């Protein structure tokens, strides 16, 4: 059984400003750096066989800080990228609040079905690449939610949103 320690990256400047980041690189702000460092300190004595990150900078930076005391390289995968928000990327999130009906969204936004398929591919890749290991993986709010949706076989709206630098543990069989 592979044990997945699923983490959301630390807070970014765009999180703070409520900007839809999507697949932009993002940059940790001072609070996000402190969050990642705190998580690193809390997990420094725990054993991990591997560290995995989304290929987006905000996750890589968070994962590298957590992995540093373990003296391990970070494996990068685009499977952990945040949802592609298409033309919503860069928009002020509260201005999108009235757009609750996805059927009225632009066609360039990654569908939930596509996102959940990517989440399933990630879980399968993780089990195959790191069998019976303890893996810490840093992703993003929506992809992490999709991973948990697939894992628990529940709709996305039944999965609680992860806050920045939160960790959840999943046992993969």
Foldseek 3Di string as FASTA:
>chain_A
DEKEWEAEQFDFPCVVQQFAAAQAQTDHDPRRVVLLLVLLVVCLPPDFPAEEEEPRNRGLVSRCNNCVSVPHDYHYDNLQGGWHQPPSGGPRNVVCVVVPDPVPGDPPTDDLVNLLVSLVVVLVCCCVVPPPTYYYYYHHFQSVLSNVCNLVVHDSVVGDTDDHGDIDMDDRD
